[in-house]
Amino acid sequence: MKPRTLLVAATILFLLALPGCSRKSEDGAKKKIAGIVFQEDQFFRLVLFGMRDAAAQSGVELLEASSAGKPDKEIQLINTYIASNVKAIVISPLSATASVSALERAREKGIVIITYNTNVGGRAPAAYIESDQSDLGRSTGRAAREYIEKQCGGKATIAILAFHSQSPEQSALRVHGFKEEVGKLSGVSIVAEQDAWLAEQAVKKAGDILTAHPGLTLFWAANEGGTVGAVMAVKNAGKAGTVAVFGTDTGEQVATFLLSDDNILQAVTGQQPFEIGSLAVLSAVRALKGEAVQPKVSLPGLLLSRQNPEAVRQFAARLKELSR
């Protein structure tokens, strides 16, 4: 086991080893914890699987919901859970500022708030579970820098697909981390930076960028949808082997791209969504018992590269195992 994997495993084992939670509330019913995601992709599906696993181990009832990226729906869900007497809300908030007031109302009603993936200001969250967002960008940035040094003589023109309008804080941290690494090469220039976090929109945006910049060397996408779209755009343009793609976040399709012989996708840095979901629910359970919880847990990213196909295969097998 690698050091980072050991770190995550040790953290989870530590939490699991704590005294078990009370399985039922005072009226004899299972305690209810709401688990809210903001979109339905593989990352959040694995987060939910982690939540379900921790809820089952802890003897609590998990109520699952998605805000579907809509602030009004997020508020509606939180108000519904306040009225239905849930004991905790585990949520990836849509905004660091706009999500605060509804979560503060829930906290004032005695509901434990645990945030994951994205956070809010104020006093609402008892704990925040995340991936180190800057590290996600830096990790892929280092892989891209090495590629540029070895394959391109230290010179490259790069296009970035981000998601600032969806989640500005998270996107900015990833982009900054990536730029920090590739910026260490004097021969690198970034010729385009646009938002495209869904695969369908990313295919079009990346295609337009390829048309506008025919000498482009590589794309970097800040999330899974952007990565998938960039790969498809390069393939559609017949530029496999000419334009490389690097990305952030992982999934079954991304793993397939890394193992493909088209040589388009070179490396991605993924999060550990199952562990994030599990730790978030376990933190809620601890807080409900009145025990201290760690205010912030940052899990390291996981680099997957075309240069290490066996690690990619192991990751894909693990995804299938978790998705059962």
C-alpha atoms as a PDB file:
ATOM      1  CA  MET A   1       0.000   0.000   0.000  1.00  0.00           C
ATOM      2  CA  LYS A   2       1.252   3.473  -0.876  1.00  0.00           C
ATOM      3  CA  PRO A   3       1.753   6.082   1.917  1.00  0.00           C
ATOM      4  CA  ARG A   4      -1.240   8.157   0.792  1.00  0.00           C
ATOM      5  CA  THR A   5      -3.499   5.097   0.686  1.00  0.00           C
ATOM      6  CA  LEU A   6      -2.290   4.135   4.141  1.00  0.00           C
ATOM      7  CA  LEU A   7      -3.082   7.644   5.416  1.00  0.00           C
ATOM      8  CA  VAL A   8      -6.677   7.484   4.201  1.00  0.00           C
ATOM      9  CA  ALA A   9      -7.152   3.921   5.431  1.00  0.00           C
ATOM     10  CA  ALA A  10      -5.773   4.846   8.851  1.00  0.00           C
ATOM     11  CA  THR A  11      -8.121   7.827   9.105  1.00  0.00           C
ATOM     12  CA  ILE A  12     -11.163   5.702   8.305  1.00  0.00           C
ATOM     13  CA  LEU A  13     -10.094   2.922  10.672  1.00  0.00           C
ATOM     14  CA  PHE A  14      -9.602   5.495  13.423  1.00  0.00           C
ATOM     15  CA  LEU A  15     -13.133   6.790  12.978  1.00  0.00           C
ATOM     16  CA  LEU A  16     -14.602   3.297  12.764  1.00  0.00           C
ATOM     17  CA  ALA A  17     -12.786   2.282  15.924  1.00  0.00           C
ATOM     18  CA  LEU A  18     -14.490   4.986  17.967  1.00  0.00           C
ATOM     19  CA  PRO A  19     -17.315   3.881  20.294  1.00  0.00           C
ATOM     20  CA  GLY A  20     -20.403   2.954  18.269  1.00  0.00           C
ATOM     21  CA  CYS A  21     -23.212   5.427  17.926  1.00  0.00           C
ATOM     22  CA  SER A  22     -26.617   5.005  19.455  1.00  0.00           C
ATOM     23  CA  ARG A  23     -28.582   3.185  16.799  1.00  0.00           C
ATOM     24  CA  LYS A  24     -31.908   4.739  17.721  1.00  0.00           C
ATOM     25  CA  SER A  25     -33.213   8.104  18.861  1.00  0.00           C
ATOM     26  CA  GLU A  26     -35.188   8.600  22.052  1.00  0.00           C
ATOM     27  CA  ASP A  27     -38.495   7.605  20.390  1.00  0.00           C
ATOM     28  CA  GLY A  28     -36.994   4.288  19.249  1.00  0.00           C
ATOM     29  CA  ALA A  29     -36.614   5.179  15.566  1.00  0.00           C
ATOM     30  CA  LYS A  30     -33.336   5.259  13.703  1.00  0.00           C
ATOM     31  CA  LYS A  31     -31.683   8.645  13.597  1.00  0.00           C
ATOM     32  CA  LYS A  32     -32.064  10.264  10.178  1.00  0.00           C
ATOM     33  CA  ILE A  33     -29.150  11.841   8.308  1.00  0.00           C
ATOM     34  CA  ALA A  34     -29.740  13.651   5.011  1.00  0.00           C
ATOM     35  CA  GLY A  35     -27.087  13.210   2.322  1.00  0.00           C
ATOM     36  CA  ILE A  36     -27.238  15.866  -0.422  1.00  0.00           C
ATOM     37  CA  VAL A  37     -25.234  15.896  -3.675  1.00  0.00           C
ATOM     38  CA  PHE A  38     -25.387  18.635  -6.322  1.00  0.00           C
ATOM     39  CA  GLN A  39     -25.144  16.606  -9.515  1.00  0.00           C
ATOM     40  CA  GLU A  40     -25.515  12.980 -10.536  1.00  0.00           C
ATOM     41  CA  ASP A  41     -22.182  11.884 -11.986  1.00  0.00           C
ATOM     42  CA  GLN A  42     -19.889   9.038 -11.022  1.00  0.00           C
ATOM     43  CA  PHE A  43     -18.071  11.114  -8.414  1.00  0.00           C
ATOM     44  CA  PHE A  44     -21.251  11.815  -6.479  1.00  0.00           C
ATOM     45  CA  ARG A  45     -22.574   8.275  -6.974  1.00  0.00           C
ATOM     46  CA  LEU A  46     -19.430   7.002  -5.256  1.00  0.00           C
ATOM     47  CA  VAL A  47     -19.852   9.630  -2.525  1.00  0.00           C
ATOM     48  CA  LEU A  48     -23.355   8.249  -1.940  1.00  0.00           C
ATOM     49  CA  PHE A  49     -22.038   4.686  -1.842  1.00  0.00           C
ATOM     50  CA  GLY A  50     -19.597   5.798   0.866  1.00  0.00           C
ATOM     51  CA  MET A  51     -22.418   7.491   2.778  1.00  0.00           C
ATOM     52  CA  ARG A  52     -24.581   4.365   2.551  1.00  0.00           C
ATOM     53  CA  ASP A  53     -21.749   2.166   3.802  1.00  0.00           C
ATOM     54  CA  ALA A  54     -21.064   4.390   6.815  1.00  0.00           C
ATOM     55  CA  ALA A  55     -24.804   4.760   7.577  1.00  0.00           C
ATOM     56  CA  ALA A  56     -25.260   0.980   7.513  1.00  0.00           C
ATOM     57  CA  GLN A  57     -22.284   0.476   9.835  1.00  0.00           C
ATOM     58  CA  SER A  58     -23.541   3.170  12.207  1.00  0.00           C
ATOM     59  CA  GLY A  59     -27.189   2.106  12.310  1.00  0.00           C
ATOM     60  CA  VAL A  60     -28.607   5.397  11.033  1.00  0.00           C
ATOM     61  CA  GLU A  61     -31.096   6.052   8.235  1.00  0.00           C
ATOM     62  CA  LEU A  62     -29.702   7.912   5.218  1.00  0.00           C
ATOM     63  CA  LEU A  63     -32.058  10.159   3.232  1.00  0.00           C
ATOM     64  CA  GLU A  64     -30.555  10.796  -0.219  1.00  0.00           C
ATOM     65  CA  ALA A  65     -31.241  13.849  -2.391  1.00  0.00           C
ATOM     66  CA  SER A  66     -29.737  15.971  -5.167  1.00  0.00           C
ATOM     67  CA  SER A  67     -29.952  19.747  -5.499  1.00  0.00           C
ATOM     68  CA  ALA A  68     -29.264  19.299  -9.249  1.00  0.00           C
ATOM     69  CA  GLY A  69     -27.072  22.408  -9.262  1.00  0.00           C
ATOM     70  CA  LYS A  70     -30.083  24.639  -8.462  1.00  0.00           C
ATOM     71  CA  PRO A  71     -29.818  27.026  -5.480  1.00  0.00           C
ATOM     72  CA  ASP A  72     -33.592  27.196  -5.017  1.00  0.00           C
ATOM     73  CA  LYS A  73     -33.835  23.407  -4.875  1.00  0.00           C
ATOM     74  CA  GLU A  74     -30.987  23.283  -2.350  1.00  0.00           C
ATOM     75  CA  ILE A  75     -32.858  25.703  -0.083  1.00  0.00           C
ATOM     76  CA  GLN A  76     -36.083  23.727  -0.533  1.00  0.00           C
ATOM     77  CA  LEU A  77     -34.354  20.490   0.443  1.00  0.00           C
ATOM     78  CA  ILE A  78     -32.776  22.021   3.544  1.00  0.00           C
ATOM     79  CA  ASN A  79     -36.123  23.511   4.631  1.00  0.00           C
ATOM     80  CA  THR A  80     -37.808  20.146   4.075  1.00  0.00           C
ATOM     81  CA  TYR A  81     -35.225  18.389   6.221  1.00  0.00           C
ATOM     82  CA  ILE A  82     -35.556  21.012   8.955  1.00  0.00           C
ATOM     83  CA  ALA A  83     -39.307  20.363   9.031  1.00  0.00           C
ATOM     84  CA  SER A  84     -38.906  16.568   8.967  1.00  0.00           C
ATOM     85  CA  ASN A  85     -36.654  16.517  12.031  1.00  0.00           C
ATOM     86  CA  VAL A  86     -33.477  15.039  10.555  1.00  0.00           C
ATOM     87  CA  LYS A  87     -30.596  14.961  13.017  1.00  0.00           C
ATOM     88  CA  ALA A  88     -27.830  15.864  10.553  1.00  0.00           C
ATOM     89  CA  ILE A  89     -27.358  17.164   7.019  1.00  0.00           C
ATOM     90  CA  VAL A  90     -24.316  16.046   5.024  1.00  0.00           C
ATOM     91  CA  ILE A  91     -24.034  18.314   1.993  1.00  0.00           C
ATOM     92  CA  SER A  92     -21.829  19.556  -0.828  1.00  0.00           C
ATOM     93  CA  PRO A  93     -23.086  23.180  -0.885  1.00  0.00           C
ATOM     94  CA  LEU A  94     -23.535  25.012  -4.169  1.00  0.00           C
ATOM     95  CA  SER A  95     -22.047  28.282  -2.922  1.00  0.00           C
ATOM     96  CA  ALA A  96     -19.669  29.366  -0.175  1.00  0.00           C
ATOM     97  CA  THR A  97     -21.905  32.382   0.440  1.00  0.00           C
ATOM     98  CA  ALA A  98     -25.411  31.786  -0.952  1.00  0.00           C
ATOM     99  CA  SER A  99     -25.805  28.428   0.824  1.00  0.00           C
ATOM    100  CA  VAL A 100     -24.958  29.853   4.254  1.00  0.00           C
ATOM    101  CA  SER A 101     -28.326  31.209   5.416  1.00  0.00           C
ATOM    102  CA  ALA A 102     -30.303  27.991   4.916  1.00  0.00           C
ATOM    103  CA  LEU A 103     -27.614  25.913   6.608  1.00  0.00           C
ATOM    104  CA  GLU A 104     -27.414  28.388   9.497  1.00  0.00           C
ATOM    105  CA  ARG A 105     -31.189  28.001   9.981  1.00  0.00           C
ATOM    106  CA  ALA A 106     -30.734  24.253  10.156  1.00  0.00           C
ATOM    107  CA  ARG A 107     -27.912  24.583  12.676  1.00  0.00           C
ATOM    108  CA  GLU A 108     -30.042  26.869  14.851  1.00  0.00           C
ATOM    109  CA  LYS A 109     -32.669  24.107  14.924  1.00  0.00           C
ATOM    110  CA  GLY A 110     -30.070  21.764  16.406  1.00  0.00           C
ATOM    111  CA  ILE A 111     -29.236  19.931  13.182  1.00  0.00           C
ATOM    112  CA  VAL A 112     -25.597  18.916  12.742  1.00  0.00           C
ATOM    113  CA  ILE A 113     -24.143  20.210   9.464  1.00  0.00           C
ATOM    114  CA  ILE A 114     -21.265  18.378   7.767  1.00  0.00           C
ATOM    115  CA  THR A 115     -19.992  19.744   4.458  1.00  0.00           C
ATOM    116  CA  TYR A 116     -17.906  17.832   1.941  1.00  0.00           C
ATOM    117  CA  ASN A 117     -16.353  18.574  -1.456  1.00  0.00           C
ATOM    118  CA  THR A 118     -17.383  22.252  -1.206  1.00  0.00           C
ATOM    119  CA  ASN A 119     -17.676  24.361   1.934  1.00  0.00           C
ATOM    120  CA  VAL A 120     -19.454  27.451   3.246  1.00  0.00           C
ATOM    121  CA  GLY A 121     -18.468  30.350   5.449  1.00  0.00           C
ATOM    122  CA  GLY A 122     -20.042  31.003   8.811  1.00  0.00           C
ATOM    123  CA  ARG A 123     -20.479  28.722  11.803  1.00  0.00           C
ATOM    124  CA  ALA A 124     -22.815  26.116  10.312  1.00  0.00           C
ATOM    125  CA  PRO A 125     -20.431  23.243   9.480  1.00  0.00           C
ATOM    126  CA  ALA A 126     -19.254  21.084  12.359  1.00  0.00           C
ATOM    127  CA  ALA A 127     -16.761  19.500   9.947  1.00  0.00           C
ATOM    128  CA  TYR A 128     -15.628  19.725   6.341  1.00  0.00           C
ATOM    129  CA  ILE A 129     -14.349  16.726   4.352  1.00  0.00           C
ATOM    130  CA  GLU A 130     -12.562  17.476   1.103  1.00  0.00           C
ATOM    131  CA  SER A 131      -9.922  16.594  -1.389  1.00  0.00           C
ATOM    132  CA  ASP A 132      -7.023  19.037  -1.414  1.00  0.00           C
ATOM    133  CA  GLN A 133      -8.225  21.038  -4.410  1.00  0.00           C
ATOM    134  CA  SER A 134      -4.946  22.808  -5.111  1.00  0.00           C
ATOM    135  CA  ASP A 135      -3.110  19.490  -4.919  1.00  0.00           C
ATOM    136  CA  LEU A 136      -5.476  17.990  -7.509  1.00  0.00           C
ATOM    137  CA  GLY A 137      -4.414  20.672  -9.976  1.00  0.00           C
ATOM    138  CA  ARG A 138      -0.732  20.547  -9.022  1.00  0.00           C
ATOM    139  CA  SER A 139      -0.564  16.764  -9.331  1.00  0.00           C
ATOM    140  CA  THR A 140      -1.808  16.755 -12.926  1.00  0.00           C
ATOM    141  CA  GLY A 141       0.244  19.886 -13.608  1.00  0.00           C
ATOM    142  CA  ARG A 142       3.421  18.033 -12.649  1.00  0.00           C
ATOM    143  CA  ALA A 143       2.495  15.169 -14.976  1.00  0.00           C
ATOM    144  CA  ALA A 144       1.804  17.635 -17.805  1.00  0.00           C
ATOM    145  CA  ARG A 145       5.087  19.457 -17.138  1.00  0.00           C
ATOM    146  CA  GLU A 146       7.037  16.202 -17.366  1.00  0.00           C
ATOM    147  CA  TYR A 147       5.253  15.330 -20.615  1.00  0.00           C
ATOM    148  CA  ILE A 148       6.063  18.740 -22.107  1.00  0.00           C
ATOM    149  CA  GLU A 149       9.716  18.417 -21.100  1.00  0.00           C
ATOM    150  CA  LYS A 150      10.106  14.914 -22.518  1.00  0.00           C
ATOM    151  CA  GLN A 151       7.799  14.987 -25.545  1.00  0.00           C
ATOM    152  CA  CYS A 152       7.672  18.627 -26.589  1.00  0.00           C
ATOM    153  CA  GLY A 153      11.137  19.975 -25.809  1.00  0.00           C
ATOM    154  CA  GLY A 154       9.814  22.126 -22.975  1.00  0.00           C
ATOM    155  CA  LYS A 155       7.471  24.153 -25.200  1.00  0.00           C
ATOM    156  CA  ALA A 156       3.682  23.919 -25.364  1.00  0.00           C
ATOM    157  CA  THR A 157       0.469  25.835 -25.981  1.00  0.00           C
ATOM    158  CA  ILE A 158      -2.239  24.827 -23.521  1.00  0.00           C
ATOM    159  CA  ALA A 159      -6.015  25.238 -23.328  1.00  0.00           C
ATOM    160  CA  ILE A 160      -7.895  24.913 -20.028  1.00  0.00           C
ATOM    161  CA  LEU A 161     -11.481  23.759 -19.478  1.00  0.00           C
ATOM    162  CA  ALA A 162     -12.624  24.861 -16.013  1.00  0.00           C
ATOM    163  CA  PHE A 163     -15.899  25.189 -14.083  1.00  0.00           C
ATOM    164  CA  HIS A 164     -15.698  28.657 -12.512  1.00  0.00           C
ATOM    165  CA  SER A 165     -19.375  29.468 -13.080  1.00  0.00           C
ATOM    166  CA  GLN A 166     -20.479  26.248 -11.405  1.00  0.00           C
ATOM    167  CA  SER A 167     -18.150  26.257  -8.369  1.00  0.00           C
ATOM    168  CA  PRO A 168     -15.816  29.271  -8.461  1.00  0.00           C
ATOM    169  CA  GLU A 169     -13.793  28.553  -5.332  1.00  0.00           C
ATOM    170  CA  GLN A 170     -13.076  24.914  -6.132  1.00  0.00           C
ATOM    171  CA  SER A 171     -12.354  25.557  -9.802  1.00  0.00           C
ATOM    172  CA  ALA A 172      -9.992  28.434  -8.999  1.00  0.00           C
ATOM    173  CA  LEU A 173      -7.930  26.293  -6.609  1.00  0.00           C
ATOM    174  CA  ARG A 174      -7.524  23.508  -9.151  1.00  0.00           C
ATOM    175  CA  VAL A 175      -6.651  25.895 -11.969  1.00  0.00           C
ATOM    176  CA  HIS A 176      -4.155  27.757  -9.794  1.00  0.00           C
ATOM    177  CA  GLY A 177      -2.448  24.492  -8.801  1.00  0.00           C
ATOM    178  CA  PHE A 178      -2.167  23.370 -12.431  1.00  0.00           C
ATOM    179  CA  LYS A 179      -0.837  26.727 -13.638  1.00  0.00           C
ATOM    180  CA  GLU A 180       1.668  26.812 -10.791  1.00  0.00           C
ATOM    181  CA  GLU A 181       3.300  23.618 -12.076  1.00  0.00           C
ATOM    182  CA  VAL A 182       3.241  24.147 -15.859  1.00  0.00           C
ATOM    183  CA  GLY A 183       4.272  27.778 -15.305  1.00  0.00           C
ATOM    184  CA  LYS A 184       7.676  26.525 -14.169  1.00  0.00           C
ATOM    185  CA  LEU A 185       8.464  26.029 -17.864  1.00  0.00           C
ATOM    186  CA  SER A 186       9.294  29.254 -19.692  1.00  0.00           C
ATOM    187  CA  GLY A 187       8.201  27.790 -23.029  1.00  0.00           C
ATOM    188  CA  VAL A 188       4.586  27.226 -21.978  1.00  0.00           C
ATOM    189  CA  SER A 189       1.723  29.557 -22.886  1.00  0.00           C
ATOM    190  CA  ILE A 190      -1.980  29.234 -22.045  1.00  0.00           C
ATOM    191  CA  VAL A 191      -3.955  30.333 -25.108  1.00  0.00           C
ATOM    192  CA  ALA A 192      -7.510  29.637 -23.906  1.00  0.00           C
ATOM    193  CA  GLU A 193      -9.383  29.184 -20.624  1.00  0.00           C
ATOM    194  CA  GLN A 194     -13.110  28.512 -20.792  1.00  0.00           C
ATOM    195  CA  ASP A 195     -15.820  26.936 -18.658  1.00  0.00           C
ATOM    196  CA  ALA A 196     -17.066  23.504 -19.757  1.00  0.00           C
ATOM    197  CA  TRP A 197     -17.730  20.994 -16.986  1.00  0.00           C
ATOM    198  CA  LEU A 198     -20.293  18.777 -18.734  1.00  0.00           C
ATOM    199  CA  ALA A 199     -19.047  16.395 -21.415  1.00  0.00           C
ATOM    200  CA  GLU A 200     -21.508  17.649 -24.057  1.00  0.00           C
ATOM    201  CA  GLN A 201     -20.565  21.304 -23.657  1.00  0.00           C
ATOM    202  CA  ALA A 202     -16.868  20.421 -23.373  1.00  0.00           C
ATOM    203  CA  VAL A 203     -16.869  18.601 -26.728  1.00  0.00           C
ATOM    204  CA  LYS A 204     -18.088  21.760 -28.440  1.00  0.00           C
ATOM    205  CA  LYS A 205     -15.890  24.186 -26.523  1.00  0.00           C
ATOM    206  CA  ALA A 206     -12.785  22.063 -27.042  1.00  0.00           C
ATOM    207  CA  GLY A 207     -13.622  21.670 -30.732  1.00  0.00           C
ATOM    208  CA  ASP A 208     -13.917  25.440 -31.112  1.00  0.00           C
ATOM    209  CA  ILE A 209     -10.574  25.906 -29.351  1.00  0.00           C
ATOM    210  CA  LEU A 210      -8.902  23.405 -31.680  1.00  0.00           C
ATOM    211  CA  THR A 211     -10.235  25.339 -34.665  1.00  0.00           C
ATOM    212  CA  ALA A 212      -9.067  28.683 -33.255  1.00  0.00           C
ATOM    213  CA  HIS A 213      -5.639  27.317 -32.219  1.00  0.00           C
ATOM    214  CA  PRO A 214      -4.556  24.670 -34.772  1.00  0.00           C
ATOM    215  CA  GLY A 215      -1.089  24.407 -33.188  1.00  0.00           C
ATOM    216  CA  LEU A 216      -2.419  23.531 -29.736  1.00  0.00           C
ATOM    217  CA  THR A 217      -0.251  21.084 -27.787  1.00  0.00           C
ATOM    218  CA  LEU A 218      -2.548  19.961 -24.987  1.00  0.00           C
ATOM    219  CA  PHE A 219      -5.765  20.400 -23.029  1.00  0.00           C
ATOM    220  CA  TRP A 220      -6.130  20.276 -19.291  1.00  0.00           C
ATOM    221  CA  ALA A 221      -9.638  19.869 -17.894  1.00  0.00           C
ATOM    222  CA  ALA A 222     -10.452  20.669 -14.277  1.00  0.00           C
ATOM    223  CA  ASN A 223     -13.124  17.998 -13.858  1.00  0.00           C
ATOM    224  CA  GLU A 224     -14.367  14.672 -15.240  1.00  0.00           C
ATOM    225  CA  GLY A 225     -16.908  16.048 -17.723  1.00  0.00           C
ATOM    226  CA  GLY A 226     -14.379  18.460 -19.185  1.00  0.00           C
ATOM    227  CA  THR A 227     -11.812  15.681 -19.483  1.00  0.00           C
ATOM    228  CA  VAL A 228     -14.230  13.388 -21.327  1.00  0.00           C
ATOM    229  CA  GLY A 229     -15.300  16.207 -23.653  1.00  0.00           C
ATOM    230  CA  ALA A 230     -11.719  17.214 -24.454  1.00  0.00           C
ATOM    231  CA  VAL A 231     -10.765  13.628 -25.333  1.00  0.00           C
ATOM    232  CA  MET A 232     -13.783  13.290 -27.615  1.00  0.00           C
ATOM    233  CA  ALA A 233     -13.053  16.634 -29.314  1.00  0.00           C
ATOM    234  CA  VAL A 234      -9.435  15.659 -30.033  1.00  0.00           C
ATOM    235  CA  LYS A 235     -10.610  12.327 -31.423  1.00  0.00           C
ATOM    236  CA  ASN A 236     -13.314  13.986 -33.550  1.00  0.00           C
ATOM    237  CA  ALA A 237     -10.767  16.447 -34.948  1.00  0.00           C
ATOM    238  CA  GLY A 238      -8.430  13.624 -35.972  1.00  0.00           C
ATOM    239  CA  LYS A 239      -5.688  14.979 -33.700  1.00  0.00           C
ATOM    240  CA  ALA A 240      -4.975  11.851 -31.676  1.00  0.00           C
ATOM    241  CA  GLY A 241      -1.222  11.640 -31.156  1.00  0.00           C
ATOM    242  CA  THR A 242      -0.874  15.354 -31.886  1.00  0.00           C
ATOM    243  CA  VAL A 243      -2.861  16.957 -29.051  1.00  0.00           C
ATOM    244  CA  ALA A 244      -2.607  15.424 -25.580  1.00  0.00           C
ATOM    245  CA  VAL A 245      -5.241  15.654 -22.848  1.00  0.00           C
ATOM    246  CA  PHE A 246      -4.672  15.815 -19.097  1.00  0.00           C
ATOM    247  CA  GLY A 247      -7.499  15.950 -16.589  1.00  0.00           C
ATOM    248  CA  THR A 248      -8.823  15.993 -13.058  1.00  0.00           C
ATOM    249  CA  ASP A 249     -11.326  13.556 -11.498  1.00  0.00           C
ATOM    250  CA  THR A 250     -11.761   9.960 -12.513  1.00  0.00           C
ATOM    251  CA  GLY A 251     -14.409   7.451 -13.526  1.00  0.00           C
ATOM    252  CA  GLU A 252     -14.888   4.295 -15.553  1.00  0.00           C
ATOM    253  CA  GLN A 253     -14.853   6.162 -18.869  1.00  0.00           C
ATOM    254  CA  VAL A 254     -11.732   8.097 -17.916  1.00  0.00           C
ATOM    255  CA  ALA A 255      -9.976   4.851 -16.965  1.00  0.00           C
ATOM    256  CA  THR A 256     -10.940   3.396 -20.352  1.00  0.00           C
ATOM    257  CA  PHE A 257      -9.450   6.444 -22.093  1.00  0.00           C
ATOM    258  CA  LEU A 258      -6.180   6.008 -20.195  1.00  0.00           C
ATOM    259  CA  LEU A 259      -5.959   2.393 -21.355  1.00  0.00           C
ATOM    260  CA  SER A 260      -6.929   3.170 -24.963  1.00  0.00           C
ATOM    261  CA  ASP A 261      -4.260   2.856 -27.658  1.00  0.00           C
ATOM    262  CA  ASP A 262      -5.274   6.230 -29.185  1.00  0.00           C
ATOM    263  CA  ASN A 263      -2.692   7.974 -26.929  1.00  0.00           C
ATOM    264  CA  ILE A 264      -4.951  10.990 -26.238  1.00  0.00           C
ATOM    265  CA  LEU A 265      -5.536  11.029 -22.475  1.00  0.00           C
ATOM    266  CA  GLN A 266      -2.184  10.977 -20.674  1.00  0.00           C
ATOM    267  CA  ALA A 267      -2.916  11.409 -16.956  1.00  0.00           C
ATOM    268  CA  VAL A 268      -5.574  12.462 -14.461  1.00  0.00           C
ATOM    269  CA  THR A 269      -5.637  13.089 -10.733  1.00  0.00           C
ATOM    270  CA  GLY A 270      -8.692  11.651  -9.049  1.00  0.00           C
ATOM    271  CA  GLN A 271     -10.366  12.223  -5.740  1.00  0.00           C
ATOM    272  CA  GLN A 272     -11.437   9.510  -3.289  1.00  0.00           C
ATOM    273  CA  PRO A 273     -15.219   9.998  -3.298  1.00  0.00           C
ATOM    274  CA  PHE A 274     -16.189   6.801  -1.471  1.00  0.00           C
ATOM    275  CA  GLU A 275     -13.889   7.743   1.415  1.00  0.00           C
ATOM    276  CA  ILE A 276     -15.196  11.347   1.385  1.00  0.00           C
ATOM    277  CA  GLY A 277     -18.811  10.171   1.694  1.00  0.00           C
ATOM    278  CA  SER A 278     -17.955   7.652   4.381  1.00  0.00           C
ATOM    279  CA  LEU A 279     -15.946  10.125   6.485  1.00  0.00           C
ATOM    280  CA  ALA A 280     -18.663  12.761   6.160  1.00  0.00           C
ATOM    281  CA  VAL A 281     -21.364  10.476   7.591  1.00  0.00           C
ATOM    282  CA  LEU A 282     -19.036   9.108  10.287  1.00  0.00           C
ATOM    283  CA  SER A 283     -18.264  12.699  11.319  1.00  0.00           C
ATOM    284  CA  ALA A 284     -21.996  13.418  11.559  1.00  0.00           C
ATOM    285  CA  VAL A 285     -22.509  10.338  13.732  1.00  0.00           C
ATOM    286  CA  ARG A 286     -19.689  11.401  16.063  1.00  0.00           C
ATOM    287  CA  ALA A 287     -21.056  14.936  16.335  1.00  0.00           C
ATOM    288  CA  LEU A 288     -24.525  13.586  17.163  1.00  0.00           C
ATOM    289  CA  LYS A 289     -22.954  11.694  20.069  1.00  0.00           C
ATOM    290  CA  GLY A 290     -21.459  14.931  21.330  1.00  0.00           C
ATOM    291  CA  GLU A 291     -17.928  13.827  20.522  1.00  0.00           C
ATOM    292  CA  ALA A 292     -15.293  16.128  19.061  1.00  0.00           C
ATOM    293  CA  VAL A 293     -14.884  15.988  15.291  1.00  0.00           C
ATOM    294  CA  GLN A 294     -11.934  17.141  13.235  1.00  0.00           C
ATOM    295  CA  PRO A 295     -13.018  20.495  11.704  1.00  0.00           C
ATOM    296  CA  LYS A 296     -11.308  19.836   8.377  1.00  0.00           C
ATOM    297  CA  VAL A 297     -10.037  16.659   6.716  1.00  0.00           C
ATOM    298  CA  SER A 298      -8.196  16.962   3.385  1.00  0.00           C
ATOM    299  CA  LEU A 299      -7.670  13.706   1.510  1.00  0.00           C
ATOM    300  CA  PRO A 300      -4.832  13.481  -1.022  1.00  0.00           C
ATOM    301  CA  GLY A 301      -5.465  12.982  -4.735  1.00  0.00           C
ATOM    302  CA  LEU A 302      -4.623   9.854  -6.707  1.00  0.00           C
ATOM    303  CA  LEU A 303      -2.594  10.229  -9.925  1.00  0.00           C
ATOM    304  CA  LEU A 304      -3.464   7.778 -12.699  1.00  0.00           C
ATOM    305  CA  SER A 305      -1.233   7.767 -15.753  1.00  0.00           C
ATOM    306  CA  ARG A 306      -0.988   6.085 -19.133  1.00  0.00           C
ATOM    307  CA  GLN A 307       2.570   5.243 -18.039  1.00  0.00           C
ATOM    308  CA  ASN A 308       1.231   2.942 -15.307  1.00  0.00           C
ATOM    309  CA  PRO A 309      -1.594   0.896 -16.874  1.00  0.00           C
ATOM    310  CA  GLU A 310      -1.649  -1.672 -14.069  1.00  0.00           C
ATOM    311  CA  ALA A 311      -2.564   1.015 -11.526  1.00  0.00           C
ATOM    312  CA  VAL A 312      -5.343   2.172 -13.861  1.00  0.00           C
ATOM    313  CA  ARG A 313      -6.694  -1.388 -14.129  1.00  0.00           C
ATOM    314  CA  GLN A 314      -6.635  -1.767 -10.352  1.00  0.00           C
ATOM    315  CA  PHE A 315      -8.505   1.524  -9.994  1.00  0.00           C
ATOM    316  CA  ALA A 316     -11.149   0.422 -12.531  1.00  0.00           C
ATOM    317  CA  ALA A 317     -11.618  -2.871 -10.684  1.00  0.00           C
ATOM    318  CA  ARG A 318     -12.032  -0.976  -7.414  1.00  0.00           C
ATOM    319  CA  LEU A 319     -14.686   1.254  -9.006  1.00  0.00           C
ATOM    320  CA  LYS A 320     -16.686  -1.793 -10.087  1.00  0.00           C
ATOM    321  CA  GLU A 321     -16.381  -3.288  -6.620  1.00  0.00           C
ATOM    322  CA  LEU A 322     -17.630  -0.102  -4.934  1.00  0.00           C
ATOM    323  CA  SER A 323     -20.475   0.326  -7.432  1.00  0.00           C
ATOM    324  CA  ARG A 324     -22.076  -3.049  -6.711  1.00  0.00           C
END
